């Protein structure tokens, strides 16, 4: 739509910006959040997937109600998670995996 999501690893948060005004509309996370050095983001429908390098997890954020749920736990830093061409892929420290 009219929004852009960005991750901020040093602040342990993700933020939603309005493209028209370039103002921050929403911030999720912070010092005591589930996110630990969030990196890659992947948006699919009303789900935002947040890769958390610090705790090796992929978090799922419902963009309708902003609930945060653990989606996957890899046990090692995860840098990117995406779905493309019918495949789900994850880029970890140890390599790229088809899930």
PDB file of N, CA and C in Angstrom:
ATOM      1  N   UNK A   1       0.823  -1.188   0.000  1.00  0.00           N
ATOM      2  CA  UNK A   1       0.000   0.000   0.000  1.00  0.00           C
ATOM      3  C   UNK A   1       0.859   1.239   0.000  1.00  0.00           C
ATOM      4  N   UNK A   2       0.635   2.053   0.997  1.00  0.00           N
ATOM      5  CA  UNK A   2       1.302   3.333   1.105  1.00  0.00           C
ATOM      6  C   UNK A   2       2.330   3.329   2.236  1.00  0.00           C
ATOM      7  N   UNK A   3       2.841   2.142   2.562  1.00  0.00           N
ATOM      8  CA  UNK A   3       3.744   2.018   3.705  1.00  0.00           C
ATOM      9  C   UNK A   3       5.046   1.325   3.331  1.00  0.00           C
ATOM     10  N   UNK A   4       6.053   1.570   4.147  1.00  0.00           N
ATOM     11  CA  UNK A   4       7.353   0.952   4.002  1.00  0.00           C
ATOM     12  C   UNK A   4       7.793   0.487   5.388  1.00  0.00           C
ATOM     13  N   UNK A   5       8.224  -0.779   5.485  1.00  0.00           N
ATOM     14  CA  UNK A   5       8.721  -1.331   6.741  1.00  0.00           C
ATOM     15  C   UNK A   5      10.244  -1.325   6.714  1.00  0.00           C
ATOM     16  N   UNK A   6      10.851  -1.036   7.851  1.00  0.00           N
ATOM     17  CA  UNK A   6      12.307  -1.037   7.969  1.00  0.00           C
ATOM     18  C   UNK A   6      12.707  -1.664   9.302  1.00  0.00           C
ATOM     19  N   UNK A   7      13.880  -2.318   9.309  1.00  0.00           N
ATOM     20  CA  UNK A   7      14.389  -2.894  10.558  1.00  0.00           C
ATOM     21  C   UNK A   7      15.560  -2.058  11.055  1.00  0.00           C
ATOM     22  N   UNK A   8      15.712  -2.026  12.378  1.00  0.00           N
ATOM     23  CA  UNK A   8      16.765  -1.267  13.026  1.00  0.00           C
ATOM     24  C   UNK A   8      17.476  -2.184  14.021  1.00  0.00           C
ATOM     25  N   UNK A   9      18.531  -2.889  13.554  1.00  0.00           N
ATOM     26  CA  UNK A   9      19.215  -3.870  14.403  1.00  0.00           C
ATOM     27  C   UNK A   9      19.768  -3.308  15.709  1.00  0.00           C
ATOM     28  N   UNK A  10      20.292  -2.104  15.697  1.00  0.00           N
ATOM     29  CA  UNK A  10      20.876  -1.534  16.907  1.00  0.00           C
ATOM     30  C   UNK A  10      19.824  -1.134  17.942  1.00  0.00           C
ATOM     31  N   UNK A  11      18.576  -0.980  17.505  1.00  0.00           N
ATOM     32  CA  UNK A  11      17.486  -0.608  18.418  1.00  0.00           C
ATOM     33  C   UNK A  11      16.543  -1.769  18.705  1.00  0.00           C
ATOM     34  N   UNK A  12      16.798  -2.941  18.101  1.00  0.00           N
ATOM     35  CA  UNK A  12      15.950  -4.135  18.278  1.00  0.00           C
ATOM     36  C   UNK A  12      14.481  -3.861  17.960  1.00  0.00           C
ATOM     37  N   UNK A  13      14.234  -3.163  16.838  1.00  0.00           N
ATOM     38  CA  UNK A  13      12.850  -2.847  16.489  1.00  0.00           C
ATOM     39  C   UNK A  13      12.667  -2.807  14.966  1.00  0.00           C
ATOM     40  N   UNK A  14      11.400  -2.823  14.575  1.00  0.00           N
ATOM     41  CA  UNK A  14      11.000  -2.573  13.195  1.00  0.00           C
ATOM     42  C   UNK A  14      10.039  -1.387  13.228  1.00  0.00           C
ATOM     43  N   UNK A  15       9.970  -0.656  12.128  1.00  0.00           N
ATOM     44  CA  UNK A  15       9.107   0.517  12.072  1.00  0.00           C
ATOM     45  C   UNK A  15       8.391   0.573  10.737  1.00  0.00           C
ATOM     46  N   UNK A  16       7.198   1.125  10.779  1.00  0.00           N
ATOM     47  CA  UNK A  16       6.373   1.312   9.587  1.00  0.00           C
ATOM     48  C   UNK A  16       6.347   2.810   9.270  1.00  0.00           C
ATOM     49  N   UNK A  17       6.689   3.154   8.022  1.00  0.00           N
ATOM     50  CA  UNK A  17       6.720   4.541   7.582  1.00  0.00           C
ATOM     51  C   UNK A  17       5.647   4.778   6.536  1.00  0.00           C
ATOM     52  N   UNK A  18       5.047   5.945   6.555  1.00  0.00           N
ATOM     53  CA  UNK A  18       4.111   6.371   5.528  1.00  0.00           C
ATOM     54  C   UNK A  18       4.933   6.921   4.375  1.00  0.00           C
ATOM     55  N   UNK A  19       4.776   6.354   3.176  1.00  0.00           N
ATOM     56  CA  UNK A  19       5.573   6.767   2.025  1.00  0.00           C
ATOM     57  C   UNK A  19       5.259   8.206   1.617  1.00  0.00           C
ATOM     58  N   UNK A  20       3.997   8.588   1.708  1.00  0.00           N
ATOM     59  CA  UNK A  20       3.605   9.942   1.303  1.00  0.00           C
ATOM     60  C   UNK A  20       4.207  11.023   2.170  1.00  0.00           C
ATOM     61  N   UNK A  21       4.244  10.800   3.469  1.00  0.00           N
ATOM     62  CA  UNK A  21       4.751  11.822   4.393  1.00  0.00           C
ATOM     63  C   UNK A  21       6.168  11.527   4.878  1.00  0.00           C
ATOM     64  N   UNK A  22       6.643  10.286   4.643  1.00  0.00           N
ATOM     65  CA  UNK A  22       7.926   9.801   5.132  1.00  0.00           C
ATOM     66  C   UNK A  22       8.054   9.979   6.653  1.00  0.00           C
ATOM     67  N   UNK A  23       6.946   9.791   7.321  1.00  0.00           N
ATOM     68  CA  UNK A  23       6.928   9.838   8.781  1.00  0.00           C
ATOM     69  C   UNK A  23       6.696   8.444   9.330  1.00  0.00           C
ATOM     70  N   UNK A  24       7.290   8.204  10.480  1.00  0.00           N
ATOM     71  CA  UNK A  24       7.105   6.934  11.154  1.00  0.00           C
ATOM     72  C   UNK A  24       5.687   6.871  11.716  1.00  0.00           C
ATOM     73  N   UNK A  25       4.972   5.767  11.375  1.00  0.00           N
ATOM     74  CA  UNK A  25       3.619   5.582  11.873  1.00  0.00           C
ATOM     75  C   UNK A  25       3.563   4.646  13.070  1.00  0.00           C
ATOM     76  N   UNK A  26       4.494   3.700  13.110  1.00  0.00           N
ATOM     77  CA  UNK A  26       4.432   2.666  14.132  1.00  0.00           C
ATOM     78  C   UNK A  26       5.821   2.096  14.358  1.00  0.00           C
ATOM     79  N   UNK A  27       6.125   1.791  15.608  1.00  0.00           N
ATOM     80  CA  UNK A  27       7.395   1.138  15.956  1.00  0.00           C
ATOM     81  C   UNK A  27       7.054  -0.059  16.837  1.00  0.00           C
ATOM     82  N   UNK A  28       7.624  -1.224  16.481  1.00  0.00           N
ATOM     83  CA  UNK A  28       7.418  -2.446  17.256  1.00  0.00           C
ATOM     84  C   UNK A  28       8.775  -2.927  17.740  1.00  0.00           C
ATOM     85  N   UNK A  29       8.893  -3.154  19.021  1.00  0.00           N
ATOM     86  CA  UNK A  29      10.142  -3.651  19.579  1.00  0.00           C
ATOM     87  C   UNK A  29      10.788  -2.640  20.496  1.00  0.00           C
ATOM     88  N   UNK A  30      12.073  -2.821  20.699  1.00  0.00           N
ATOM     89  CA  UNK A  30      12.828  -1.980  21.610  1.00  0.00           C
ATOM     90  C   UNK A  30      13.736  -2.844  22.462  1.00  0.00           C
ATOM     91  N   UNK A  31      14.293  -2.269  23.484  1.00  0.00           N
ATOM     92  CA  UNK A  31      15.297  -2.950  24.307  1.00  0.00           C
ATOM     93  C   UNK A  31      14.847  -4.291  24.875  1.00  0.00           C
ATOM     94  N   UNK A  32      13.617  -4.443  25.303  1.00  0.00           N
ATOM     95  CA  UNK A  32      13.167  -5.711  25.908  1.00  0.00           C
ATOM     96  C   UNK A  32      12.177  -6.445  25.003  1.00  0.00           C
ATOM     97  N   UNK A  33      12.373  -6.368  23.697  1.00  0.00           N
ATOM     98  CA  UNK A  33      11.447  -6.991  22.763  1.00  0.00           C
ATOM     99  C   UNK A  33      11.917  -8.384  22.349  1.00  0.00           C
ATOM    100  N   UNK A  34      11.068  -9.068  21.618  1.00  0.00           N
ATOM    101  CA  UNK A  34      11.405 -10.394  21.080  1.00  0.00           C
ATOM    102  C   UNK A  34      12.492 -10.295  20.018  1.00  0.00           C
ATOM    103  N   UNK A  35      12.563  -9.168  19.330  1.00  0.00           N
ATOM    104  CA  UNK A  35      13.555  -9.001  18.277  1.00  0.00           C
ATOM    105  C   UNK A  35      14.936  -8.782  18.883  1.00  0.00           C
ATOM    106  N   UNK A  36      15.922  -9.433  18.314  1.00  0.00           N
ATOM    107  CA  UNK A  36      17.300  -9.249  18.733  1.00  0.00           C
ATOM    108  C   UNK A  36      18.133  -9.063  17.466  1.00  0.00           C
ATOM    109  N   UNK A  37      18.498  -7.835  17.205  1.00  0.00           N
ATOM    110  CA  UNK A  37      19.191  -7.450  15.981  1.00  0.00           C
ATOM    111  C   UNK A  37      18.407  -7.876  14.736  1.00  0.00           C
ATOM    112  N   UNK A  38      17.172  -7.356  14.574  1.00  0.00           N
ATOM    113  CA  UNK A  38      16.374  -7.722  13.406  1.00  0.00           C
ATOM    114  C   UNK A  38      17.048  -7.265  12.117  1.00  0.00           C
ATOM    115  N   UNK A  39      16.960  -8.115  11.111  1.00  0.00           N
ATOM    116  CA  UNK A  39      17.588  -7.815   9.815  1.00  0.00           C
ATOM    117  C   UNK A  39      16.553  -7.866   8.708  1.00  0.00           C
ATOM    118  N   UNK A  40      16.552  -8.994   7.983  1.00  0.00           N
ATOM    119  CA  UNK A  40      15.705  -9.128   6.802  1.00  0.00           C
ATOM    120  C   UNK A  40      14.229  -9.112   7.137  1.00  0.00           C
ATOM    121  N   UNK A  41      13.466  -8.455   6.283  1.00  0.00           N
ATOM    122  CA  UNK A  41      12.009  -8.401   6.408  1.00  0.00           C
ATOM    123  C   UNK A  41      11.392  -8.990   5.154  1.00  0.00           C
ATOM    124  N   UNK A  42      10.270  -9.691   5.330  1.00  0.00           N
ATOM    125  CA  UNK A  42       9.534 -10.231   4.191  1.00  0.00           C
ATOM    126  C   UNK A  42       8.057 -10.044   4.473  1.00  0.00           C
ATOM    127  N   UNK A  43       7.350  -9.374   3.579  1.00  0.00           N
ATOM    128  CA  UNK A  43       5.928  -9.102   3.735  1.00  0.00           C
ATOM    129  C   UNK A  43       5.144  -9.982   2.779  1.00  0.00           C
ATOM    130  N   UNK A  44       4.188 -10.723   3.331  1.00  0.00           N
ATOM    131  CA  UNK A  44       3.315 -11.577   2.529  1.00  0.00           C
ATOM    132  C   UNK A  44       1.888 -11.390   3.036  1.00  0.00           C
ATOM    133  N   UNK A  45       1.070 -10.717   2.248  1.00  0.00           N
ATOM    134  CA  UNK A  45      -0.297 -10.431   2.675  1.00  0.00           C
ATOM    135  C   UNK A  45      -0.294  -9.561   3.920  1.00  0.00           C
ATOM    136  N   UNK A  46      -0.941 -10.047   4.979  1.00  0.00           N
ATOM    137  CA  UNK A  46      -0.982  -9.280   6.227  1.00  0.00           C
ATOM    138  C   UNK A  46       0.017  -9.790   7.263  1.00  0.00           C
ATOM    139  N   UNK A  47       1.046 -10.508   6.797  1.00  0.00           N
ATOM    140  CA  UNK A  47       2.076 -11.045   7.676  1.00  0.00           C
ATOM    141  C   UNK A  47       3.434 -10.453   7.309  1.00  0.00           C
ATOM    142  N   UNK A  48       4.111  -9.896   8.313  1.00  0.00           N
ATOM    143  CA  UNK A  48       5.463  -9.392   8.150  1.00  0.00           C
ATOM    144  C   UNK A  48       6.386 -10.350   8.892  1.00  0.00           C
ATOM    145  N   UNK A  49       7.333 -10.937   8.184  1.00  0.00           N
ATOM    146  CA  UNK A  49       8.279 -11.862   8.790  1.00  0.00           C
ATOM    147  C   UNK A  49       9.574 -11.098   9.078  1.00  0.00           C
ATOM    148  N   UNK A  50      10.032 -11.187  10.315  1.00  0.00           N
ATOM    149  CA  UNK A  50      11.203 -10.451  10.774  1.00  0.00           C
ATOM    150  C   UNK A  50      12.287 -11.448  11.160  1.00  0.00           C
ATOM    151  N   UNK A  51      13.435 -11.383  10.497  1.00  0.00           N
ATOM    152  CA  UNK A  51      14.573 -12.244  10.821  1.00  0.00           C
ATOM    153  C   UNK A  51      15.335 -11.621  11.974  1.00  0.00           C
ATOM    154  N   UNK A  52      15.573 -12.420  12.989  1.00  0.00           N
ATOM    155  CA  UNK A  52      16.227 -11.938  14.193  1.00  0.00           C
ATOM    156  C   UNK A  52      17.599 -12.596  14.317  1.00  0.00           C
ATOM    157  N   UNK A  53      18.612 -11.863  13.936  1.00  0.00           N
ATOM    158  CA  UNK A  53      19.973 -12.404  13.933  1.00  0.00           C
ATOM    159  C   UNK A  53      20.434 -12.791  15.341  1.00  0.00           C
ATOM    160  N   UNK A  54      20.074 -12.005  16.328  1.00  0.00           N
ATOM    161  CA  UNK A  54      20.566 -12.211  17.678  1.00  0.00           C
ATOM    162  C   UNK A  54      20.061 -13.452  18.383  1.00  0.00           C
ATOM    163  N   UNK A  55      18.842 -13.910  18.059  1.00  0.00           N
ATOM    164  CA  UNK A  55      18.325 -15.109  18.726  1.00  0.00           C
ATOM    165  C   UNK A  55      17.978 -16.236  17.766  1.00  0.00           C
ATOM    166  N   UNK A  56      18.298 -16.087  16.492  1.00  0.00           N
ATOM    167  CA  UNK A  56      18.122 -17.168  15.527  1.00  0.00           C
ATOM    168  C   UNK A  56      16.683 -17.509  15.206  1.00  0.00           C
ATOM    169  N   UNK A  57      15.801 -16.536  15.319  1.00  0.00           N
ATOM    170  CA  UNK A  57      14.377 -16.799  15.093  1.00  0.00           C
ATOM    171  C   UNK A  57      13.813 -15.934  13.973  1.00  0.00           C
ATOM    172  N   UNK A  58      12.721 -16.416  13.401  1.00  0.00           N
ATOM    173  CA  UNK A  58      11.911 -15.619  12.492  1.00  0.00           C
ATOM    174  C   UNK A  58      10.614 -15.338  13.233  1.00  0.00           C
ATOM    175  N   UNK A  59      10.283 -14.073  13.335  1.00  0.00           N
ATOM    176  CA  UNK A  59       9.062 -13.652  14.016  1.00  0.00           C
ATOM    177  C   UNK A  59       8.016 -13.264  12.985  1.00  0.00           C
ATOM    178  N   UNK A  60       6.762 -13.521  13.306  1.00  0.00           N
ATOM    179  CA  UNK A  60       5.641 -13.170  12.430  1.00  0.00           C
ATOM    180  C   UNK A  60       4.852 -12.051  13.096  1.00  0.00           C
ATOM    181  N   UNK A  61       4.727 -10.930  12.385  1.00  0.00           N
ATOM    182  CA  UNK A  61       3.955  -9.798  12.875  1.00  0.00           C
ATOM    183  C   UNK A  61       2.680  -9.708  12.042  1.00  0.00           C
ATOM    184  N   UNK A  62       1.526  -9.775  12.689  1.00  0.00           N
ATOM    185  CA  UNK A  62       0.251  -9.597  12.017  1.00  0.00           C
ATOM    186  C   UNK A  62       0.083  -8.095  11.800  1.00  0.00           C
ATOM    187  N   UNK A  63       0.024  -7.660  10.548  1.00  0.00           N
ATOM    188  CA  UNK A  63      -0.036  -6.225  10.261  1.00  0.00           C
ATOM    189  C   UNK A  63      -1.422  -5.625  10.478  1.00  0.00           C
ATOM    190  N   UNK A  64      -2.396  -6.447  10.839  1.00  0.00           N
ATOM    191  CA  UNK A  64      -3.725  -5.932  11.169  1.00  0.00           C
ATOM    192  C   UNK A  64      -3.827  -5.544  12.641  1.00  0.00           C
ATOM    193  N   UNK A  65      -3.293  -6.406  13.520  1.00  0.00           N
ATOM    194  CA  UNK A  65      -3.408  -6.135  14.956  1.00  0.00           C
ATOM    195  C   UNK A  65      -2.045  -6.015  15.641  1.00  0.00           C
ATOM    196  N   UNK A  66      -0.955  -6.199  14.887  1.00  0.00           N
ATOM    197  CA  UNK A  66       0.428  -6.041  15.345  1.00  0.00           C
ATOM    198  C   UNK A  66       0.841  -7.035  16.424  1.00  0.00           C
ATOM    199  N   UNK A  67       0.153  -8.172  16.463  1.00  0.00           N
ATOM    200  CA  UNK A  67       0.562  -9.262  17.350  1.00  0.00           C
ATOM    201  C   UNK A  67       1.861  -9.863  16.817  1.00  0.00           C
ATOM    202  N   UNK A  68       2.770 -10.213  17.714  1.00  0.00           N
ATOM    203  CA  UNK A  68       4.061 -10.794  17.352  1.00  0.00           C
ATOM    204  C   UNK A  68       4.104 -12.228  17.859  1.00  0.00           C
ATOM    205  N   UNK A  69       4.336 -13.172  16.936  1.00  0.00           N
ATOM    206  CA  UNK A  69       4.417 -14.587  17.280  1.00  0.00           C
ATOM    207  C   UNK A  69       5.716 -15.171  16.749  1.00  0.00           C
ATOM    208  N   UNK A  70       6.252 -16.139  17.464  1.00  0.00           N
ATOM    209  CA  UNK A  70       7.434 -16.840  16.967  1.00  0.00           C
ATOM    210  C   UNK A  70       6.997 -17.727  15.801  1.00  0.00           C
ATOM    211  N   UNK A  71       7.671 -17.580  14.662  1.00  0.00           N
ATOM    212  CA  UNK A  71       7.330 -18.358  13.471  1.00  0.00           C
ATOM    213  C   UNK A  71       8.254 -19.570  13.326  1.00  0.00           C
ATOM    214  N   UNK A  72       9.566 -19.371  13.456  1.00  0.00           N
ATOM    215  CA  UNK A  72      10.542 -20.454  13.336  1.00  0.00           C
ATOM    216  C   UNK A  72      11.739 -20.148  14.229  1.00  0.00           C
ATOM    217  N   UNK A  73      12.364 -21.211  14.739  1.00  0.00           N
ATOM    218  CA  UNK A  73      13.574 -21.075  15.546  1.00  0.00           C
ATOM    219  C   UNK A  73      14.664 -21.915  14.893  1.00  0.00           C
ATOM    220  N   UNK A  74      15.711 -21.257  14.400  1.00  0.00           N
ATOM    221  CA  UNK A  74      16.789 -21.952  13.710  1.00  0.00           C
ATOM    222  C   UNK A  74      17.975 -22.262  14.621  1.00  0.00           C
ATOM    223  N   UNK A  75      18.053 -21.621  15.779  1.00  0.00           N
ATOM    224  CA  UNK A  75      19.147 -21.876  16.692  1.00  0.00           C
ATOM    225  C   UNK A  75      20.482 -21.288  16.252  1.00  0.00           C
ATOM    226  N   UNK A  76      20.476 -20.475  15.225  1.00  0.00           N
ATOM    227  CA  UNK A  76      21.669 -19.758  14.757  1.00  0.00           C
ATOM    228  C   UNK A  76      21.190 -18.488  14.066  1.00  0.00           C
ATOM    229  N   UNK A  77      22.060 -17.501  13.888  1.00  0.00           N
ATOM    230  CA  UNK A  77      21.627 -16.243  13.275  1.00  0.00           C
ATOM    231  C   UNK A  77      20.932 -16.459  11.920  1.00  0.00           C
ATOM    232  N   UNK A  78      19.777 -15.844  11.783  1.00  0.00           N
ATOM    233  CA  UNK A  78      19.015 -15.902  10.529  1.00  0.00           C
ATOM    234  C   UNK A  78      18.983 -14.487   9.950  1.00  0.00           C
ATOM    235  N   UNK A  79      19.365 -14.398   8.677  1.00  0.00           N
ATOM    236  CA  UNK A  79      19.529 -13.094   8.038  1.00  0.00           C
ATOM    237  C   UNK A  79      18.418 -12.774   7.044  1.00  0.00           C
ATOM    238  N   UNK A  80      17.837 -13.809   6.443  1.00  0.00           N
ATOM    239  CA  UNK A  80      16.803 -13.573   5.436  1.00  0.00           C
ATOM    240  C   UNK A  80      15.868 -14.761   5.381  1.00  0.00           C
ATOM    241  N   UNK A  81      14.581 -14.467   5.191  1.00  0.00           N
ATOM    242  CA  UNK A  81      13.538 -15.476   5.064  1.00  0.00           C
ATOM    243  C   UNK A  81      12.603 -14.977   3.985  1.00  0.00           C
ATOM    244  N   UNK A  82      12.302 -15.822   3.006  1.00  0.00           N
ATOM    245  CA  UNK A  82      11.398 -15.391   1.942  1.00  0.00           C
ATOM    246  C   UNK A  82      10.730 -16.577   1.268  1.00  0.00           C
ATOM    247  N   UNK A  83       9.657 -16.265   0.587  1.00  0.00           N
ATOM    248  CA  UNK A  83       8.927 -17.247  -0.206  1.00  0.00           C
ATOM    249  C   UNK A  83       8.911 -16.735  -1.635  1.00  0.00           C
ATOM    250  N   UNK A  84       9.395 -17.595  -2.553  1.00  0.00           N
ATOM    251  CA  UNK A  84       9.463 -17.196  -3.953  1.00  0.00           C
ATOM    252  C   UNK A  84       9.312 -18.438  -4.828  1.00  0.00           C
ATOM    253  N   UNK A  85       8.507 -18.333  -5.868  1.00  0.00           N
ATOM    254  CA  UNK A  85       8.339 -19.433  -6.815  1.00  0.00           C
ATOM    255  C   UNK A  85       7.873 -20.735  -6.179  1.00  0.00           C
ATOM    256  N   UNK A  86       7.055 -20.643  -5.140  1.00  0.00           N
ATOM    257  CA  UNK A  86       6.564 -21.837  -4.466  1.00  0.00           C
ATOM    258  C   UNK A  86       7.542 -22.419  -3.456  1.00  0.00           C
ATOM    259  N   UNK A  87       8.670 -21.771  -3.250  1.00  0.00           N
ATOM    260  CA  UNK A  87       9.676 -22.237  -2.293  1.00  0.00           C
ATOM    261  C   UNK A  87       9.776 -21.274  -1.111  1.00  0.00           C
ATOM    262  N   UNK A  88      10.123 -21.816   0.035  1.00  0.00           N
ATOM    263  CA  UNK A  88      10.439 -21.012   1.205  1.00  0.00           C
ATOM    264  C   UNK A  88      11.922 -21.181   1.467  1.00  0.00           C
ATOM    265  N   UNK A  89      12.639 -20.060   1.567  1.00  0.00           N
ATOM    266  CA  UNK A  89      14.087 -20.075   1.726  1.00  0.00           C
ATOM    267  C   UNK A  89      14.494 -19.309   2.968  1.00  0.00           C
ATOM    268  N   UNK A  90      15.591 -19.743   3.568  1.00  0.00           N
ATOM    269  CA  UNK A  90      16.159 -19.037   4.710  1.00  0.00           C
ATOM    270  C   UNK A  90      17.672 -18.956   4.536  1.00  0.00           C
ATOM    271  N   UNK A  91      18.218 -17.762   4.804  1.00  0.00           N
ATOM    272  CA  UNK A  91      19.667 -17.583   4.765  1.00  0.00           C
ATOM    273  C   UNK A  91      20.162 -17.452   6.194  1.00  0.00           C
ATOM    274  N   UNK A  92      20.943 -18.451   6.611  1.00  0.00           N
ATOM    275  CA  UNK A  92      21.495 -18.501   7.962  1.00  0.00           C
ATOM    276  C   UNK A  92      23.002 -18.302   7.886  1.00  0.00           C
ATOM    277  N   UNK A  93      23.670 -18.266   9.040  1.00  0.00           N
ATOM    278  CA  UNK A  93      25.132 -18.194   9.035  1.00  0.00           C
ATOM    279  C   UNK A  93      25.744 -19.394   8.327  1.00  0.00           C
ATOM    280  N   UNK A  94      25.114 -20.567   8.462  1.00  0.00           N
ATOM    281  CA  UNK A  94      25.675 -21.802   7.901  1.00  0.00           C
ATOM    282  C   UNK A  94      25.325 -22.030   6.434  1.00  0.00           C
ATOM    283  N   UNK A  95      24.485 -21.199   5.834  1.00  0.00           N
ATOM    284  CA  UNK A  95      24.154 -21.358   4.430  1.00  0.00           C
ATOM    285  C   UNK A  95      22.733 -20.972   4.107  1.00  0.00           C
ATOM    286  N   UNK A  96      22.315 -21.267   2.869  1.00  0.00           N
ATOM    287  CA  UNK A  96      20.958 -21.000   2.396  1.00  0.00           C
ATOM    288  C   UNK A  96      20.214 -22.325   2.336  1.00  0.00           C
ATOM    289  N   UNK A  97      18.994 -22.351   2.864  1.00  0.00           N
ATOM    290  CA  UNK A  97      18.236 -23.592   2.965  1.00  0.00           C
ATOM    291  C   UNK A  97      16.848 -23.426   2.357  1.00  0.00           C
ATOM    292  N   UNK A  98      16.413 -24.475   1.666  1.00  0.00           N
ATOM    293  CA  UNK A  98      15.031 -24.569   1.186  1.00  0.00           C
ATOM    294  C   UNK A  98      14.268 -25.297   2.273  1.00  0.00           C
ATOM    295  N   UNK A  99      13.196 -24.691   2.749  1.00  0.00           N
ATOM    296  CA  UNK A  99      12.432 -25.271   3.857  1.00  0.00           C
ATOM    297  C   UNK A  99      11.230 -26.053   3.357  1.00  0.00           C
TER     298      UNK A  99
END
